[in-house]
Amino acid sequence: MEDRRRHPRRKTTCKIRLSNEHFGPINGNIRDLSESGVFVEVATTSDFSRGMLLEAEVLDSDWDQTLPPLTMKVVRIETDGIGLEFADPS
């Protein structure tokens, strides 16, 4: 099977907190990341829909906690998690 991804993925185990105006924080684990986005493992994917914008806070001691939350867009939903793409916050 051909890999059509624009950017190579890197495995990681960072924790992340996702939220938007419709639901409070949902914690997950970043499984892999690339220049364009991340895949987040979450307990349930029923709160998410494709195209939904989220605020994402990386909860890792190596991450600069003074940075504002990242704006991300749901681009893929699987049974074990969601694919998020970095989005323009405006």
N, C-alpha and C. Protein backbone atom coordinates (compact mmCIF):
# COMPACT_ATOMS: atom_id res chain seq x y z
N MET A 1 0.84 -1.18 0.00
CA MET A 1 0.00 0.00 0.00
C MET A 1 0.88 1.25 0.00
N GLU A 2 0.59 2.17 -0.87
CA GLU A 2 1.37 3.40 -1.01
C GLU A 2 1.04 4.39 0.11
N ASP A 3 2.07 4.98 0.72
CA ASP A 3 1.89 6.00 1.75
C ASP A 3 1.82 7.35 1.06
N ARG A 4 0.67 8.03 1.14
CA ARG A 4 0.47 9.30 0.45
C ARG A 4 0.64 10.50 1.38
N ARG A 5 1.19 10.31 2.53
CA ARG A 5 1.37 11.41 3.48
C ARG A 5 2.36 12.43 2.95
N ARG A 6 2.06 13.71 3.25
CA ARG A 6 2.94 14.80 2.79
C ARG A 6 4.22 14.87 3.60
N HIS A 7 4.14 14.52 4.90
CA HIS A 7 5.29 14.64 5.79
C HIS A 7 5.49 13.33 6.56
N PRO A 8 6.75 12.98 6.82
CA PRO A 8 7.00 11.76 7.60
C PRO A 8 6.48 11.90 9.03
N ARG A 9 6.05 10.79 9.60
CA ARG A 9 5.55 10.75 10.97
C ARG A 9 6.66 10.35 11.92
N ARG A 10 6.56 10.87 13.15
CA ARG A 10 7.49 10.50 14.21
C ARG A 10 6.69 10.01 15.40
N LYS A 11 7.01 8.85 15.90
CA LYS A 11 6.33 8.28 17.07
C LYS A 11 6.65 9.12 18.31
N THR A 12 5.66 9.25 19.20
CA THR A 12 5.85 9.98 20.45
C THR A 12 4.85 9.47 21.47
N THR A 13 4.98 9.92 22.69
CA THR A 13 4.05 9.52 23.75
C THR A 13 3.59 10.72 24.57
N CYS A 14 3.52 11.89 23.97
CA CYS A 14 3.10 13.10 24.68
C CYS A 14 1.62 13.04 25.02
N LYS A 15 1.27 13.64 26.13
CA LYS A 15 -0.13 13.78 26.51
C LYS A 15 -0.65 15.10 25.93
N ILE A 16 -1.97 15.15 25.66
CA ILE A 16 -2.58 16.33 25.07
C ILE A 16 -3.98 16.52 25.64
N ARG A 17 -4.42 17.76 25.74
CA ARG A 17 -5.77 18.09 26.19
C ARG A 17 -6.47 18.83 25.05
N LEU A 18 -7.65 18.34 24.66
CA LEU A 18 -8.42 18.92 23.55
C LEU A 18 -9.72 19.52 24.08
N SER A 19 -10.14 20.65 23.51
CA SER A 19 -11.42 21.26 23.90
C SER A 19 -11.89 22.19 22.80
N ASN A 20 -13.17 22.55 22.87
CA ASN A 20 -13.74 23.60 22.03
C ASN A 20 -14.98 24.13 22.74
N GLU A 21 -15.76 24.97 22.05
CA GLU A 21 -16.91 25.59 22.72
C GLU A 21 -18.03 24.62 23.02
N HIS A 22 -18.01 23.40 22.45
CA HIS A 22 -19.09 22.43 22.64
C HIS A 22 -18.81 21.40 23.74
N PHE A 23 -17.56 21.21 24.10
CA PHE A 23 -17.26 20.25 25.17
C PHE A 23 -16.02 20.68 25.92
N GLY A 24 -15.96 20.24 27.18
CA GLY A 24 -14.82 20.55 28.03
C GLY A 24 -13.61 19.73 27.67
N PRO A 25 -12.59 19.78 28.47
CA PRO A 25 -11.34 19.11 28.11
C PRO A 25 -11.47 17.59 28.02
N ILE A 26 -10.85 17.06 26.97
CA ILE A 26 -10.72 15.62 26.77
C ILE A 26 -9.23 15.34 26.66
N ASN A 27 -8.73 14.46 27.50
CA ASN A 27 -7.30 14.13 27.47
C ASN A 27 -7.05 12.96 26.55
N GLY A 28 -5.90 12.99 25.90
CA GLY A 28 -5.50 11.91 25.01
C GLY A 28 -4.00 11.80 24.96
N ASN A 29 -3.54 10.89 24.12
CA ASN A 29 -2.11 10.67 23.93
C ASN A 29 -1.76 10.85 22.46
N ILE A 30 -0.75 11.66 22.20
CA ILE A 30 -0.29 11.82 20.82
C ILE A 30 0.50 10.57 20.46
N ARG A 31 0.05 9.85 19.43
CA ARG A 31 0.73 8.62 19.00
C ARG A 31 1.85 8.94 18.03
N ASP A 32 1.59 9.87 17.11
CA ASP A 32 2.64 10.30 16.19
C ASP A 32 2.37 11.73 15.75
N LEU A 33 3.43 12.36 15.25
CA LEU A 33 3.31 13.74 14.82
C LEU A 33 4.14 13.98 13.58
N SER A 34 3.77 15.04 12.86
CA SER A 34 4.51 15.44 11.67
C SER A 34 4.46 16.96 11.58
N GLU A 35 5.01 17.51 10.51
CA GLU A 35 4.97 18.95 10.30
C GLU A 35 3.54 19.46 10.14
N SER A 36 2.63 18.62 9.68
CA SER A 36 1.27 19.08 9.39
C SER A 36 0.24 18.72 10.45
N GLY A 37 0.56 17.80 11.36
CA GLY A 37 -0.44 17.44 12.35
C GLY A 37 -0.03 16.31 13.26
N VAL A 38 -1.04 15.76 13.96
CA VAL A 38 -0.81 14.70 14.94
C VAL A 38 -1.95 13.68 14.87
N PHE A 39 -1.69 12.47 15.37
CA PHE A 39 -2.76 11.51 15.61
C PHE A 39 -2.87 11.34 17.11
N VAL A 40 -4.09 11.52 17.63
CA VAL A 40 -4.32 11.48 19.07
C VAL A 40 -5.20 10.29 19.41
N GLU A 41 -4.71 9.44 20.30
CA GLU A 41 -5.52 8.34 20.82
C GLU A 41 -6.41 8.89 21.93
N VAL A 42 -7.72 8.65 21.82
CA VAL A 42 -8.69 9.09 22.82
C VAL A 42 -9.58 7.91 23.19
N ALA A 43 -10.21 7.99 24.38
CA ALA A 43 -11.07 6.91 24.86
C ALA A 43 -12.29 6.72 23.97
N THR A 44 -12.87 7.82 23.50
CA THR A 44 -14.03 7.74 22.61
C THR A 44 -13.92 8.83 21.56
N THR A 45 -14.37 8.52 20.36
CA THR A 45 -14.30 9.49 19.27
C THR A 45 -15.66 10.11 18.97
N SER A 46 -16.69 9.77 19.75
CA SER A 46 -18.05 10.22 19.45
C SER A 46 -18.25 11.72 19.59
N ASP A 47 -17.40 12.43 20.32
CA ASP A 47 -17.54 13.88 20.47
C ASP A 47 -16.98 14.66 19.28
N PHE A 48 -16.31 13.99 18.37
CA PHE A 48 -15.60 14.67 17.29
C PHE A 48 -16.30 14.48 15.95
N SER A 49 -16.14 15.48 15.08
CA SER A 49 -16.62 15.37 13.70
C SER A 49 -15.58 15.99 12.78
N ARG A 50 -15.52 15.50 11.54
CA ARG A 50 -14.55 16.03 10.58
C ARG A 50 -14.80 17.51 10.35
N GLY A 51 -13.72 18.28 10.30
CA GLY A 51 -13.80 19.71 10.10
C GLY A 51 -13.91 20.51 11.38
N MET A 52 -14.15 19.84 12.51
CA MET A 52 -14.27 20.51 13.81
C MET A 52 -12.93 21.15 14.19
N LEU A 53 -12.99 22.39 14.69
CA LEU A 53 -11.80 23.06 15.19
C LEU A 53 -11.68 22.84 16.69
N LEU A 54 -10.47 22.60 17.15
CA LEU A 54 -10.19 22.33 18.55
C LEU A 54 -9.04 23.18 19.05
N GLU A 55 -9.04 23.43 20.35
CA GLU A 55 -7.86 23.98 20.99
C GLU A 55 -7.11 22.80 21.59
N ALA A 56 -5.82 22.75 21.38
CA ALA A 56 -5.00 21.64 21.85
C ALA A 56 -3.86 22.17 22.71
N GLU A 57 -3.74 21.59 23.91
CA GLU A 57 -2.65 21.94 24.81
C GLU A 57 -1.80 20.69 25.03
N VAL A 58 -0.53 20.77 24.68
CA VAL A 58 0.38 19.65 24.90
C VAL A 58 0.78 19.66 26.36
N LEU A 59 0.63 18.51 27.02
CA LEU A 59 0.91 18.39 28.45
C LEU A 59 2.17 17.55 28.66
N ASP A 60 3.28 18.09 28.28
CA ASP A 60 4.54 17.37 28.35
C ASP A 60 5.57 18.27 29.01
N SER A 61 6.38 17.72 29.86
CA SER A 61 7.37 18.54 30.58
C SER A 61 8.38 19.18 29.64
N ASP A 62 8.60 18.60 28.47
CA ASP A 62 9.53 19.18 27.49
C ASP A 62 8.89 20.27 26.64
N TRP A 63 7.57 20.45 26.75
CA TRP A 63 6.84 21.43 25.96
C TRP A 63 6.79 22.74 26.73
N ASP A 64 6.96 23.86 26.05
CA ASP A 64 6.90 25.18 26.67
C ASP A 64 5.46 25.47 27.09
N GLN A 65 5.18 25.38 28.39
CA GLN A 65 3.82 25.54 28.91
C GLN A 65 3.33 26.98 28.86
N THR A 66 4.18 27.93 28.49
CA THR A 66 3.74 29.32 28.36
C THR A 66 3.14 29.60 26.98
N LEU A 67 3.28 28.65 26.06
CA LEU A 67 2.71 28.83 24.72
C LEU A 67 1.18 28.74 24.77
N PRO A 68 0.49 29.52 23.95
CA PRO A 68 -0.97 29.42 23.91
C PRO A 68 -1.39 28.09 23.29
N PRO A 69 -2.66 27.68 23.50
CA PRO A 69 -3.13 26.45 22.88
C PRO A 69 -3.02 26.52 21.35
N LEU A 70 -2.81 25.37 20.74
CA LEU A 70 -2.75 25.27 19.29
C LEU A 70 -4.16 25.12 18.73
N THR A 71 -4.43 25.70 17.59
CA THR A 71 -5.70 25.48 16.91
C THR A 71 -5.49 24.32 15.94
N MET A 72 -6.36 23.30 16.05
CA MET A 72 -6.23 22.12 15.21
C MET A 72 -7.59 21.76 14.63
N LYS A 73 -7.55 21.10 13.48
CA LYS A 73 -8.77 20.71 12.76
C LYS A 73 -8.82 19.19 12.65
N VAL A 74 -9.99 18.61 12.94
CA VAL A 74 -10.17 17.16 12.82
C VAL A 74 -10.25 16.81 11.33
N VAL A 75 -9.34 15.97 10.87
CA VAL A 75 -9.33 15.57 9.46
C VAL A 75 -9.59 14.07 9.26
N ARG A 76 -9.48 13.30 10.34
CA ARG A 76 -9.71 11.85 10.24
C ARG A 76 -10.21 11.33 11.59
N ILE A 77 -11.17 10.42 11.54
CA ILE A 77 -11.69 9.80 12.76
C ILE A 77 -11.59 8.29 12.59
N GLU A 78 -10.92 7.64 13.54
CA GLU A 78 -10.79 6.19 13.55
C GLU A 78 -11.35 5.67 14.87
N THR A 79 -11.42 4.38 15.04
CA THR A 79 -11.99 3.83 16.27
C THR A 79 -11.14 4.13 17.50
N ASP A 80 -9.83 4.24 17.32
CA ASP A 80 -8.95 4.45 18.47
C ASP A 80 -8.47 5.90 18.62
N GLY A 81 -8.88 6.79 17.73
CA GLY A 81 -8.41 8.16 17.86
C GLY A 81 -8.76 9.03 16.67
N ILE A 82 -8.15 10.22 16.65
CA ILE A 82 -8.45 11.21 15.62
C ILE A 82 -7.18 11.79 15.02
N GLY A 83 -7.23 12.09 13.73
CA GLY A 83 -6.14 12.77 13.05
C GLY A 83 -6.44 14.26 13.07
N LEU A 84 -5.48 15.04 13.53
CA LEU A 84 -5.63 16.49 13.62
C LEU A 84 -4.59 17.18 12.76
N GLU A 85 -5.01 18.24 12.10
CA GLU A 85 -4.12 19.05 11.26
C GLU A 85 -3.97 20.43 11.92
N PHE A 86 -2.75 20.96 11.91
CA PHE A 86 -2.54 22.31 12.43
C PHE A 86 -3.34 23.28 11.58
N ALA A 87 -4.06 24.19 12.24
CA ALA A 87 -4.92 25.12 11.54
C ALA A 87 -4.53 26.55 11.87
N ASP A 88 -4.92 27.46 11.01
CA ASP A 88 -4.71 28.89 11.25
C ASP A 88 -5.71 29.34 12.32
N PRO A 89 -5.26 29.93 13.42
CA PRO A 89 -6.16 30.30 14.51
C PRO A 89 -7.14 31.42 14.18
N SER A 90 -6.96 32.12 13.08
CA SER A 90 -7.86 33.24 12.76
C SER A 90 -9.12 32.81 12.05
